[in-house]
PDB file of N, CA and C in Angstrom:
ATOM      1  N   MET A   1      -1.976  -5.388  -6.424  1.00  0.00           N
ATOM      2  CA  MET A   1      -2.329  -4.698  -7.652  1.00  0.00           C
ATOM      3  C   MET A   1      -2.036  -3.208  -7.516  1.00  0.00           C
ATOM      4  N   SER A   2      -1.251  -2.860  -6.531  1.00  0.00           N
ATOM      5  CA  SER A   2      -0.790  -1.500  -6.335  1.00  0.00           C
ATOM      6  C   SER A   2      -1.912  -0.533  -5.975  1.00  0.00           C
ATOM      7  N   GLY A   3      -2.709  -0.910  -5.093  1.00  0.00           N
ATOM      8  CA  GLY A   3      -3.720  -0.035  -4.541  1.00  0.00           C
ATOM      9  C   GLY A   3      -4.008  -0.481  -3.129  1.00  0.00           C
ATOM     10  N   SER A   4      -4.218   0.471  -2.256  1.00  0.00           N
ATOM     11  CA  SER A   4      -4.434   0.101  -0.861  1.00  0.00           C
ATOM     12  C   SER A   4      -5.791   0.588  -0.398  1.00  0.00           C
ATOM     13  N   ILE A   5      -6.545  -0.314   0.164  1.00  0.00           N
ATOM     14  CA  ILE A   5      -7.841   0.016   0.735  1.00  0.00           C
ATOM     15  C   ILE A   5      -7.876  -0.603   2.119  1.00  0.00           C
ATOM     16  N   TYR A   6      -8.174   0.207   3.112  1.00  0.00           N
ATOM     17  CA  TYR A   6      -8.271  -0.278   4.482  1.00  0.00           C
ATOM     18  C   TYR A   6      -9.639   0.060   5.021  1.00  0.00           C
ATOM     19  N   LYS A   7     -10.138  -0.797   5.859  1.00  0.00           N
ATOM     20  CA  LYS A   7     -11.389  -0.525   6.558  1.00  0.00           C
ATOM     21  C   LYS A   7     -11.121  -0.792   8.033  1.00  0.00           C
ATOM     22  N   PHE A   8     -11.230   0.239   8.852  1.00  0.00           N
ATOM     23  CA  PHE A   8     -10.983   0.116  10.280  1.00  0.00           C
ATOM     24  C   PHE A   8     -12.221   0.559  11.042  1.00  0.00           C
ATOM     25  N   LYS A   9     -12.445  -0.042  12.170  1.00  0.00           N
ATOM     26  CA  LYS A   9     -13.495   0.454  13.057  1.00  0.00           C
ATOM     27  C   LYS A   9     -13.006   1.767  13.659  1.00  0.00           C
ATOM     28  N   ASN A  10     -13.881   2.729  13.734  1.00  0.00           N
ATOM     29  CA  ASN A  10     -13.534   4.066  14.211  1.00  0.00           C
ATOM     30  C   ASN A  10     -12.859   4.020  15.582  1.00  0.00           C
ATOM     31  N   GLY A  11     -11.645   4.583  15.659  1.00  0.00           N
ATOM     32  CA  GLY A  11     -10.918   4.692  16.918  1.00  0.00           C
ATOM     33  C   GLY A  11     -10.159   3.451  17.339  1.00  0.00           C
ATOM     34  N   ARG A  12     -10.342   2.351  16.649  1.00  0.00           N
ATOM     35  CA  ARG A  12      -9.736   1.094  17.081  1.00  0.00           C
ATOM     36  C   ARG A  12      -8.223   1.031  16.861  1.00  0.00           C
ATOM     37  N   HIS A  13      -7.720   1.758  15.899  1.00  0.00           N
ATOM     38  CA  HIS A  13      -6.297   1.717  15.578  1.00  0.00           C
ATOM     39  C   HIS A  13      -5.687   3.121  15.654  1.00  0.00           C
ATOM     40  N   GLN A  14      -6.039   3.836  16.674  1.00  0.00           N
ATOM     41  CA  GLN A  14      -5.563   5.202  16.870  1.00  0.00           C
ATOM     42  C   GLN A  14      -4.036   5.269  16.914  1.00  0.00           C
ATOM     43  N   TYR A  15      -3.393   4.186  17.357  1.00  0.00           N
ATOM     44  CA  TYR A  15      -1.939   4.158  17.463  1.00  0.00           C
ATOM     45  C   TYR A  15      -1.258   4.417  16.110  1.00  0.00           C
ATOM     46  N   ILE A  16      -1.913   4.065  15.015  1.00  0.00           N
ATOM     47  CA  ILE A  16      -1.324   4.296  13.694  1.00  0.00           C
ATOM     48  C   ILE A  16      -1.210   5.796  13.435  1.00  0.00           C
ATOM     49  N   LEU A  17      -2.277   6.515  13.661  1.00  0.00           N
ATOM     50  CA  LEU A  17      -2.271   7.966  13.479  1.00  0.00           C
ATOM     51  C   LEU A  17      -1.287   8.619  14.439  1.00  0.00           C
ATOM     52  N   GLU A  18      -1.288   8.197  15.689  1.00  0.00           N
ATOM     53  CA  GLU A  18      -0.398   8.811  16.684  1.00  0.00           C
ATOM     54  C   GLU A  18       1.073   8.621  16.316  1.00  0.00           C
ATOM     55  N   GLU A  19       1.433   7.440  15.836  1.00  0.00           N
ATOM     56  CA  GLU A  19       2.829   7.203  15.431  1.00  0.00           C
ATOM     57  C   GLU A  19       3.193   8.061  14.234  1.00  0.00           C
ATOM     58  N   PHE A  20       2.311   8.168  13.275  1.00  0.00           N
ATOM     59  CA  PHE A  20       2.583   9.000  12.100  1.00  0.00           C
ATOM     60  C   PHE A  20       2.769  10.460  12.500  1.00  0.00           C
ATOM     61  N   GLU A  21       1.922  10.949  13.377  1.00  0.00           N
ATOM     62  CA  GLU A  21       1.988  12.360  13.778  1.00  0.00           C
ATOM     63  C   GLU A  21       3.196  12.683  14.644  1.00  0.00           C
ATOM     64  N   ARG A  22       3.832  11.671  15.245  1.00  0.00           N
ATOM     65  CA  ARG A  22       5.060  11.928  16.028  1.00  0.00           C
ATOM     66  C   ARG A  22       6.177  12.488  15.156  1.00  0.00           C
ATOM     67  N   ASP A  23       6.240  12.065  13.886  1.00  0.00           N
ATOM     68  CA  ASP A  23       7.284  12.541  12.981  1.00  0.00           C
ATOM     69  C   ASP A  23       6.810  12.390  11.534  1.00  0.00           C
ATOM     70  N   ILE A  24       5.935  13.295  11.139  1.00  0.00           N
ATOM     71  CA  ILE A  24       5.297  13.215   9.823  1.00  0.00           C
ATOM     72  C   ILE A  24       6.322  13.222   8.694  1.00  0.00           C
ATOM     73  N   GLU A  25       7.277  14.145   8.736  1.00  0.00           N
ATOM     74  CA  GLU A  25       8.265  14.245   7.654  1.00  0.00           C
ATOM     75  C   GLU A  25       9.067  12.958   7.511  1.00  0.00           C
ATOM     76  N   TYR A  26       9.456  12.365   8.629  1.00  0.00           N
ATOM     77  CA  TYR A  26      10.211  11.118   8.590  1.00  0.00           C
ATOM     78  C   TYR A  26       9.412  10.032   7.878  1.00  0.00           C
ATOM     79  N   TRP A  27       8.171   9.835   8.282  1.00  0.00           N
ATOM     80  CA  TRP A  27       7.370   8.761   7.703  1.00  0.00           C
ATOM     81  C   TRP A  27       6.979   9.030   6.257  1.00  0.00           C
ATOM     82  N   GLN A  28       6.835  10.311   5.884  1.00  0.00           N
ATOM     83  CA  GLN A  28       6.504  10.629   4.497  1.00  0.00           C
ATOM     84  C   GLN A  28       7.625  10.218   3.545  1.00  0.00           C
ATOM     85  N   GLU A  29       8.857  10.209   4.030  1.00  0.00           N
ATOM     86  CA  GLU A  29      10.004   9.913   3.175  1.00  0.00           C
ATOM     87  C   GLU A  29      10.653   8.560   3.460  1.00  0.00           C
ATOM     88  N   HIS A  30      10.349   7.929   4.581  1.00  0.00           N
ATOM     89  CA  HIS A  30      11.048   6.724   5.026  1.00  0.00           C
ATOM     90  C   HIS A  30      11.088   5.609   3.980  1.00  0.00           C
ATOM     91  N   PHE A  31       9.968   5.245   3.419  1.00  0.00           N
ATOM     92  CA  PHE A  31       9.914   4.102   2.512  1.00  0.00           C
ATOM     93  C   PHE A  31      10.493   4.438   1.141  1.00  0.00           C
ATOM     94  N   ILE A  32      10.541   5.706   0.802  1.00  0.00           N
ATOM     95  CA  ILE A  32      11.209   6.141  -0.426  1.00  0.00           C
ATOM     96  C   ILE A  32      12.720   6.089  -0.215  1.00  0.00           C
ATOM     97  N   LYS A  33      13.189   6.663   0.900  1.00  0.00           N
ATOM     98  CA  LYS A  33      14.628   6.689   1.187  1.00  0.00           C
ATOM     99  C   LYS A  33      15.214   5.295   1.392  1.00  0.00           C
ATOM    100  N   THR A  34      14.435   4.372   1.901  1.00  0.00           N
ATOM    101  CA  THR A  34      14.944   3.019   2.131  1.00  0.00           C
ATOM    102  C   THR A  34      14.777   2.129   0.900  1.00  0.00           C
ATOM    103  N   GLY A  35      14.223   2.675  -0.187  1.00  0.00           N
ATOM    104  CA  GLY A  35      14.123   1.939  -1.435  1.00  0.00           C
ATOM    105  C   GLY A  35      12.953   0.977  -1.531  1.00  0.00           C
ATOM    106  N   VAL A  36      12.044   1.036  -0.572  1.00  0.00           N
ATOM    107  CA  VAL A  36      10.872   0.153  -0.618  1.00  0.00           C
ATOM    108  C   VAL A  36       9.942   0.552  -1.760  1.00  0.00           C
ATOM    109  N   THR A  37       9.857   1.855  -2.024  1.00  0.00           N
ATOM    110  CA  THR A  37       8.997   2.375  -3.082  1.00  0.00           C
ATOM    111  C   THR A  37       9.679   3.585  -3.701  1.00  0.00           C
ATOM    112  N   SER A  38       9.077   4.154  -4.735  1.00  0.00           N
ATOM    113  CA  SER A  38       9.660   5.311  -5.394  1.00  0.00           C
ATOM    114  C   SER A  38       8.813   6.546  -5.121  1.00  0.00           C
ATOM    115  N   GLY A  39       9.432   7.695  -5.214  1.00  0.00           N
ATOM    116  CA  GLY A  39       8.766   8.956  -4.942  1.00  0.00           C
ATOM    117  C   GLY A  39       8.180   9.559  -6.199  1.00  0.00           C
ATOM    118  N   PRO A  40       7.761  10.796  -6.152  1.00  0.00           N
ATOM    119  CA  PRO A  40       8.024  11.756  -5.081  1.00  0.00           C
ATOM    120  C   PRO A  40       7.115  11.587  -3.866  1.00  0.00           C
ATOM    121  N   VAL A  41       5.912  11.045  -4.058  1.00  0.00           N
ATOM    122  CA  VAL A  41       5.050  10.737  -2.917  1.00  0.00           C
ATOM    123  C   VAL A  41       4.623   9.290  -3.044  1.00  0.00           C
ATOM    124  N   ASN A  42       4.726   8.581  -1.958  1.00  0.00           N
ATOM    125  CA  ASN A  42       4.373   7.172  -1.973  1.00  0.00           C
ATOM    126  C   ASN A  42       4.716   6.601  -0.607  1.00  0.00           C
ATOM    127  N   GLY A  43       4.170   5.488  -0.262  1.00  0.00           N
ATOM    128  CA  GLY A  43       4.580   4.801   0.951  1.00  0.00           C
ATOM    129  C   GLY A  43       3.569   4.740   2.066  1.00  0.00           C
ATOM    130  N   GLU A  44       2.441   5.423   1.925  1.00  0.00           N
ATOM    131  CA  GLU A  44       1.475   5.415   3.026  1.00  0.00           C
ATOM    132  C   GLU A  44       0.969   4.010   3.325  1.00  0.00           C
ATOM    133  N   GLN A  45       0.782   3.194   2.290  1.00  0.00           N
ATOM    134  CA  GLN A  45       0.322   1.830   2.533  1.00  0.00           C
ATOM    135  C   GLN A  45       1.391   1.009   3.245  1.00  0.00           C
ATOM    136  N   HIS A  46       2.664   1.303   2.977  1.00  0.00           N
ATOM    137  CA  HIS A  46       3.754   0.602   3.646  1.00  0.00           C
ATOM    138  C   HIS A  46       3.813   0.985   5.126  1.00  0.00           C
ATOM    139  N   PHE A  47       3.535   2.256   5.407  1.00  0.00           N
ATOM    140  CA  PHE A  47       3.503   2.705   6.800  1.00  0.00           C
ATOM    141  C   PHE A  47       2.393   1.998   7.566  1.00  0.00           C
ATOM    142  N   VAL A  48       1.197   1.988   7.004  1.00  0.00           N
ATOM    143  CA  VAL A  48       0.072   1.347   7.688  1.00  0.00           C
ATOM    144  C   VAL A  48       0.362  -0.141   7.882  1.00  0.00           C
ATOM    145  N   GLN A  49       0.877  -0.802   6.854  1.00  0.00           N
ATOM    146  CA  GLN A  49       1.197  -2.221   6.958  1.00  0.00           C
ATOM    147  C   GLN A  49       2.237  -2.475   8.037  1.00  0.00           C
ATOM    148  N   LYS A  50       3.264  -1.620   8.105  1.00  0.00           N
ATOM    149  CA  LYS A  50       4.300  -1.760   9.135  1.00  0.00           C
ATOM    150  C   LYS A  50       3.696  -1.625  10.528  1.00  0.00           C
ATOM    151  N   MET A  51       2.828  -0.653  10.720  1.00  0.00           N
ATOM    152  CA  MET A  51       2.215  -0.452  12.035  1.00  0.00           C
ATOM    153  C   MET A  51       1.352  -1.662  12.421  1.00  0.00           C
ATOM    154  N   LEU A  52       0.600  -2.187  11.462  1.00  0.00           N
ATOM    155  CA  LEU A  52      -0.230  -3.359  11.741  1.00  0.00           C
ATOM    156  C   LEU A  52       0.642  -4.556  12.117  1.00  0.00           C
ATOM    157  N   GLU A  53       1.746  -4.755  11.371  1.00  0.00           N
ATOM    158  CA  GLU A  53       2.633  -5.884  11.657  1.00  0.00           C
ATOM    159  C   GLU A  53       3.370  -5.692  12.983  1.00  0.00           C
ATOM    160  N   ASP A  54       3.907  -4.483  13.220  1.00  0.00           N
ATOM    161  CA  ASP A  54       4.646  -4.216  14.461  1.00  0.00           C
ATOM    162  C   ASP A  54       3.773  -4.430  15.691  1.00  0.00           C
ATOM    163  N   ASN A  55       2.491  -4.144  15.559  1.00  0.00           N
ATOM    164  CA  ASN A  55       1.560  -4.279  16.678  1.00  0.00           C
ATOM    165  C   ASN A  55       0.798  -5.599  16.649  1.00  0.00           C
ATOM    166  N   LYS A  56       1.236  -6.505  15.783  1.00  0.00           N
ATOM    167  CA  LYS A  56       0.642  -7.843  15.674  1.00  0.00           C
ATOM    168  C   LYS A  56      -0.891  -7.785  15.588  1.00  0.00           C
ATOM    169  N   THR A  57      -1.361  -6.853  14.769  1.00  0.00           N
ATOM    170  CA  THR A  57      -2.790  -6.655  14.593  1.00  0.00           C
ATOM    171  C   THR A  57      -3.358  -7.751  13.699  1.00  0.00           C
ATOM    172  N   ASN A  58      -4.419  -8.365  14.135  1.00  0.00           N
ATOM    173  CA  ASN A  58      -5.088  -9.385  13.352  1.00  0.00           C
ATOM    174  C   ASN A  58      -5.875  -8.702  12.242  1.00  0.00           C
ATOM    175  N   VAL A  59      -5.554  -9.015  10.998  1.00  0.00           N
ATOM    176  CA  VAL A  59      -6.253  -8.413   9.864  1.00  0.00           C
ATOM    177  C   VAL A  59      -6.776  -9.506   8.952  1.00  0.00           C
ATOM    178  N   SER A  60      -7.767  -9.159   8.174  1.00  0.00           N
ATOM    179  CA  SER A  60      -8.238 -10.052   7.119  1.00  0.00           C
ATOM    180  C   SER A  60      -8.165  -9.275   5.817  1.00  0.00           C
ATOM    181  N   MET A  61      -8.002  -9.980   4.727  1.00  0.00           N
ATOM    182  CA  MET A  61      -7.831  -9.346   3.424  1.00  0.00           C
ATOM    183  C   MET A  61      -9.072  -9.548   2.565  1.00  0.00           C
ATOM    184  N   PHE A  62      -9.345  -8.552   1.726  1.00  0.00           N
ATOM    185  CA  PHE A  62     -10.375  -8.705   0.715  1.00  0.00           C
ATOM    186  C   PHE A  62      -9.909  -9.783  -0.259  1.00  0.00           C
ATOM    187  N   PRO A  63     -10.800 -10.605  -0.750  1.00  0.00           N
ATOM    188  CA  PRO A  63     -10.403 -11.508  -1.832  1.00  0.00           C
ATOM    189  C   PRO A  63      -9.948 -10.678  -3.043  1.00  0.00           C
ATOM    190  N   GLU A  64      -8.839 -11.048  -3.652  1.00  0.00           N
ATOM    191  CA  GLU A  64      -8.284 -10.259  -4.759  1.00  0.00           C
ATOM    192  C   GLU A  64      -9.256 -10.082  -5.922  1.00  0.00           C
ATOM    193  N   LYS A  65     -10.162 -11.022  -6.098  1.00  0.00           N
ATOM    194  CA  LYS A  65     -11.084 -10.914  -7.230  1.00  0.00           C
ATOM    195  C   LYS A  65     -12.053  -9.745  -7.086  1.00  0.00           C
ATOM    196  N   HIS A  66     -12.180  -9.174  -5.881  1.00  0.00           N
ATOM    197  CA  HIS A  66     -13.115  -8.077  -5.648  1.00  0.00           C
ATOM    198  C   HIS A  66     -12.527  -6.700  -5.925  1.00  0.00           C
ATOM    199  N   ILE A  67     -11.207  -6.599  -6.057  1.00  0.00           N
ATOM    200  CA  ILE A  67     -10.567  -5.289  -6.188  1.00  0.00           C
ATOM    201  C   ILE A  67      -9.759  -5.232  -7.479  1.00  0.00           C
ATOM    202  N   VAL A  68      -9.994  -4.209  -8.289  1.00  0.00           N
ATOM    203  CA  VAL A  68      -9.243  -4.009  -9.519  1.00  0.00           C
ATOM    204  C   VAL A  68      -8.701  -2.586  -9.572  1.00  0.00           C
ATOM    205  N   LYS A  69      -7.742  -2.396 -10.446  1.00  0.00           N
ATOM    206  CA  LYS A  69      -7.154  -1.070 -10.647  1.00  0.00           C
ATOM    207  C   LYS A  69      -7.340  -0.693 -12.110  1.00  0.00           C
ATOM    208  N   TRP A  70      -7.704   0.550 -12.345  1.00  0.00           N
ATOM    209  CA  TRP A  70      -7.874   1.053 -13.697  1.00  0.00           C
ATOM    210  C   TRP A  70      -6.944   2.238 -13.879  1.00  0.00           C
ATOM    211  N   HIS A  71      -6.008   2.093 -14.812  1.00  0.00           N
ATOM    212  CA  HIS A  71      -4.992   3.128 -15.071  1.00  0.00           C
ATOM    213  C   HIS A  71      -5.167   3.591 -16.507  1.00  0.00           C
ATOM    214  N   LYS A  72      -6.092   4.520 -16.723  1.00  0.00           N
ATOM    215  CA  LYS A  72      -6.489   4.910 -18.077  1.00  0.00           C
ATOM    216  C   LYS A  72      -5.379   5.563 -18.896  1.00  0.00           C
ATOM    217  N   ASP A  73      -4.357   6.114 -18.231  1.00  0.00           N
ATOM    218  CA  ASP A  73      -3.322   6.845 -18.949  1.00  0.00           C
ATOM    219  C   ASP A  73      -2.083   6.013 -19.271  1.00  0.00           C
ATOM    220  N   ASP A  74      -2.063   4.750 -18.908  1.00  0.00           N
ATOM    221  CA  ASP A  74      -0.883   3.931 -19.179  1.00  0.00           C
ATOM    222  C   ASP A  74      -1.323   2.542 -19.634  1.00  0.00           C
ATOM    223  N   TYR A  75      -1.390   2.362 -20.943  1.00  0.00           N
ATOM    224  CA  TYR A  75      -1.866   1.114 -21.523  1.00  0.00           C
ATOM    225  C   TYR A  75      -1.012  -0.070 -21.087  1.00  0.00           C
ATOM    226  N   TYR A  76       0.317   0.104 -21.052  1.00  0.00           N
ATOM    227  CA  TYR A  76       1.210  -0.990 -20.681  1.00  0.00           C
ATOM    228  C   TYR A  76       0.940  -1.461 -19.250  1.00  0.00           C
ATOM    229  N   ILE A  77       0.886  -0.517 -18.301  1.00  0.00           N
ATOM    230  CA  ILE A  77       0.617  -0.876 -16.906  1.00  0.00           C
ATOM    231  C   ILE A  77      -0.744  -1.547 -16.787  1.00  0.00           C
ATOM    232  N   GLN A  78      -1.749  -0.983 -17.429  1.00  0.00           N
ATOM    233  CA  GLN A  78      -3.091  -1.544 -17.338  1.00  0.00           C
ATOM    234  C   GLN A  78      -3.133  -2.966 -17.898  1.00  0.00           C
ATOM    235  N   THR A  79      -2.471  -3.193 -19.016  1.00  0.00           N
ATOM    236  CA  THR A  79      -2.436  -4.530 -19.608  1.00  0.00           C
ATOM    237  C   THR A  79      -1.779  -5.530 -18.660  1.00  0.00           C
ATOM    238  N   CYS A  80      -0.668  -5.139 -18.033  1.00  0.00           N
ATOM    239  CA  CYS A  80       0.014  -6.023 -17.073  1.00  0.00           C
ATOM    240  C   CYS A  80      -0.886  -6.334 -15.880  1.00  0.00           C
ATOM    241  N   ILE A  81      -1.567  -5.324 -15.370  1.00  0.00           N
ATOM    242  CA  ILE A  81      -2.454  -5.515 -14.226  1.00  0.00           C
ATOM    243  C   ILE A  81      -3.591  -6.472 -14.585  1.00  0.00           C
ATOM    244  N   GLU A  82      -4.191  -6.274 -15.745  1.00  0.00           N
ATOM    245  CA  GLU A  82      -5.290  -7.149 -16.154  1.00  0.00           C
ATOM    246  C   GLU A  82      -4.803  -8.580 -16.367  1.00  0.00           C
ATOM    247  N   HIS A  83      -3.612  -8.745 -16.922  1.00  0.00           N
ATOM    248  CA  HIS A  83      -3.035 -10.083 -17.103  1.00  0.00           C
ATOM    249  C   HIS A  83      -2.854 -10.774 -15.750  1.00  0.00           C
ATOM    250  N   ASP A  84      -2.276 -10.055 -14.775  1.00  0.00           N
ATOM    251  CA  ASP A  84      -2.072 -10.625 -13.443  1.00  0.00           C
ATOM    252  C   ASP A  84      -3.394 -10.959 -12.770  1.00  0.00           C
ATOM    253  N   TYR A  85      -4.375 -10.078 -12.910  1.00  0.00           N
ATOM    254  CA  TYR A  85      -5.689 -10.320 -12.317  1.00  0.00           C
ATOM    255  C   TYR A  85      -6.294 -11.612 -12.862  1.00  0.00           C
ATOM    256  N   LYS A  86      -6.200 -11.801 -14.175  1.00  0.00           N
ATOM    257  CA  LYS A  86      -6.752 -13.023 -14.772  1.00  0.00           C
ATOM    258  C   LYS A  86      -5.981 -14.249 -14.275  1.00  0.00           C
ATOM    259  N   LYS A  87      -4.663 -14.127 -14.145  1.00  0.00           N
ATOM    260  CA  LYS A  87      -3.848 -15.242 -13.668  1.00  0.00           C
ATOM    261  C   LYS A  87      -4.234 -15.607 -12.232  1.00  0.00           C
ATOM    262  N   TRP A  88      -4.451 -14.607 -11.367  1.00  0.00           N
ATOM    263  CA  TRP A  88      -4.745 -14.853  -9.952  1.00  0.00           C
ATOM    264  C   TRP A  88      -6.178 -15.301  -9.712  1.00  0.00           C
ATOM    265  N   THR A  89      -7.110 -14.787 -10.514  1.00  0.00           N
ATOM    266  CA  THR A  89      -8.525 -15.037 -10.222  1.00  0.00           C
ATOM    267  C   THR A  89      -9.238 -15.896 -11.265  1.00  0.00           C
ATOM    268  N   GLY A  90      -8.687 -15.970 -12.458  1.00  0.00           N
ATOM    269  CA  GLY A  90      -9.370 -16.647 -13.549  1.00  0.00           C
ATOM    270  C   GLY A  90     -10.411 -15.768 -14.227  1.00  0.00           C
ATOM    271  N   ASN A  91     -10.556 -14.534 -13.769  1.00  0.00           N
ATOM    272  CA  ASN A  91     -11.559 -13.603 -14.300  1.00  0.00           C
ATOM    273  C   ASN A  91     -10.936 -12.593 -15.242  1.00  0.00           C
ATOM    274  N   LYS A  92     -11.742 -12.095 -16.182  1.00  0.00           N
ATOM    275  CA  LYS A  92     -11.394 -10.915 -16.962  1.00  0.00           C
ATOM    276  C   LYS A  92     -12.015  -9.716 -16.239  1.00  0.00           C
ATOM    277  N   TYR A  93     -11.368  -8.555 -16.362  1.00  0.00           N
ATOM    278  CA  TYR A  93     -11.932  -7.341 -15.768  1.00  0.00           C
ATOM    279  C   TYR A  93     -13.325  -7.070 -16.300  1.00  0.00           C
ATOM    280  N   LEU A  94     -13.399  -7.017 -17.617  1.00  0.00           N
ATOM    281  CA  LEU A  94     -14.621  -6.580 -18.281  1.00  0.00           C
ATOM    282  C   LEU A  94     -15.263  -7.737 -19.024  1.00  0.00           C
ATOM    283  N   LEU A  95     -16.573  -7.790 -18.961  1.00  0.00           N
ATOM    284  CA  LEU A  95     -17.360  -8.754 -19.725  1.00  0.00           C
ATOM    285  C   LEU A  95     -18.408  -7.968 -20.492  1.00  0.00           C
ATOM    286  N   ASP A  96     -18.365  -8.049 -21.813  1.00  0.00           N
ATOM    287  CA  ASP A  96     -19.320  -7.315 -22.647  1.00  0.00           C
ATOM    288  C   ASP A  96     -19.391  -5.838 -22.253  1.00  0.00           C
ATOM    289  N   GLU A  97     -18.231  -5.226 -22.067  1.00  0.00           N
ATOM    290  CA  GLU A  97     -18.087  -3.801 -21.746  1.00  0.00           C
ATOM    291  C   GLU A  97     -18.668  -3.403 -20.391  1.00  0.00           C
ATOM    292  N   ASP A  98     -18.804  -4.349 -19.485  1.00  0.00           N
ATOM    293  CA  ASP A  98     -19.205  -4.058 -18.115  1.00  0.00           C
ATOM    294  C   ASP A  98     -18.245  -4.802 -17.190  1.00  0.00           C
ATOM    295  N   TRP A  99     -18.120  -4.357 -15.956  1.00  0.00           N
ATOM    296  CA  TRP A  99     -17.218  -4.999 -15.011  1.00  0.00           C
ATOM    297  C   TRP A  99     -17.670  -6.422 -14.703  1.00  0.00           C
ATOM    298  N   HIS A 100     -16.702  -7.285 -14.465  1.00  0.00           N
ATOM    299  CA  HIS A 100     -17.006  -8.659 -14.060  1.00  0.00           C
ATOM    300  C   HIS A 100     -17.832  -8.606 -12.777  1.00  0.00           C
ATOM    301  N   LYS A 101     -18.745  -9.547 -12.590  1.00  0.00           N
ATOM    302  CA  LYS A 101     -19.651  -9.519 -11.431  1.00  0.00           C
ATOM    303  C   LYS A 101     -18.918  -9.629 -10.099  1.00  0.00           C
ATOM    304  N   ASP A 102     -17.680 -10.158 -10.081  1.00  0.00           N
ATOM    305  CA  ASP A 102     -16.917 -10.266  -8.831  1.00  0.00           C
ATOM    306  C   ASP A 102     -16.260  -8.954  -8.406  1.00  0.00           C
ATOM    307  N   VAL A 103     -16.162  -7.984  -9.320  1.00  0.00           N
ATOM    308  CA  VAL A 103     -15.497  -6.714  -9.001  1.00  0.00           C
ATOM    309  C   VAL A 103     -16.380  -5.903  -8.057  1.00  0.00           C
ATOM    310  N   ARG A 104     -15.816  -5.523  -6.901  1.00  0.00           N
ATOM    311  CA  ARG A 104     -16.546  -4.744  -5.885  1.00  0.00           C
ATOM    312  C   ARG A 104     -15.952  -3.344  -5.690  1.00  0.00           C
ATOM    313  N   VAL A 105     -14.619  -3.223  -5.893  1.00  0.00           N
ATOM    314  CA  VAL A 105     -13.928  -1.958  -5.676  1.00  0.00           C
ATOM    315  C   VAL A 105     -13.031  -1.691  -6.881  1.00  0.00           C
ATOM    316  N   ILE A 106     -13.080  -0.465  -7.393  1.00  0.00           N
ATOM    317  CA  ILE A 106     -12.229  -0.067  -8.517  1.00  0.00           C
ATOM    318  C   ILE A 106     -11.351   1.076  -8.054  1.00  0.00           C
ATOM    319  N   HIS A 107     -10.036   0.882  -8.141  1.00  0.00           N
ATOM    320  CA  HIS A 107      -9.074   1.932  -7.821  1.00  0.00           C
ATOM    321  C   HIS A 107      -8.704   2.629  -9.119  1.00  0.00           C
ATOM    322  N   TYR A 108      -9.202   3.855  -9.301  1.00  0.00           N
ATOM    323  CA  TYR A 108      -8.888   4.631 -10.490  1.00  0.00           C
ATOM    324  C   TYR A 108      -7.577   5.354 -10.237  1.00  0.00           C
ATOM    325  N   ALA A 109      -6.525   4.960 -10.937  1.00  0.00           N
ATOM    326  CA  ALA A 109      -5.189   5.532 -10.732  1.00  0.00           C
ATOM    327  C   ALA A 109      -4.894   6.572 -11.804  1.00  0.00           C
ATOM    328  N   GLY A 110      -4.097   7.534 -11.418  1.00  0.00           N
ATOM    329  CA  GLY A 110      -3.647   8.535 -12.383  1.00  0.00           C
ATOM    330  C   GLY A 110      -4.720   9.498 -12.836  1.00  0.00           C
ATOM    331  N   ASN A 111      -5.822   9.563 -12.119  1.00  0.00           N
ATOM    332  CA  ASN A 111      -6.913  10.470 -12.509  1.00  0.00           C
ATOM    333  C   ASN A 111      -6.868  11.728 -11.700  1.00  0.00           C
TER     334      ASN A 111
END
């Protein structure tokens, strides 16, 4: 749904920070230059995902029904996101003008 949330135990994945700091400029632009995402700034979630995969880190994912994105400035994007959320989870974002009871995290985009 185009939002990244990570939860790590403190100090457990220090290698991610160390790799990024070895060449900050390279990593800031890498995923844009390779066409994985668009700029002018973007790609941090791709970097973290790459580091986790390269290091064969065991991860677990939040159930998709717990995380939603709210993009108040783009009706088209928001409508598409809500449509996909309903398709994947069977839930609507909002029920009687309040969040669905399964929603745990809201990513406010463009604010």
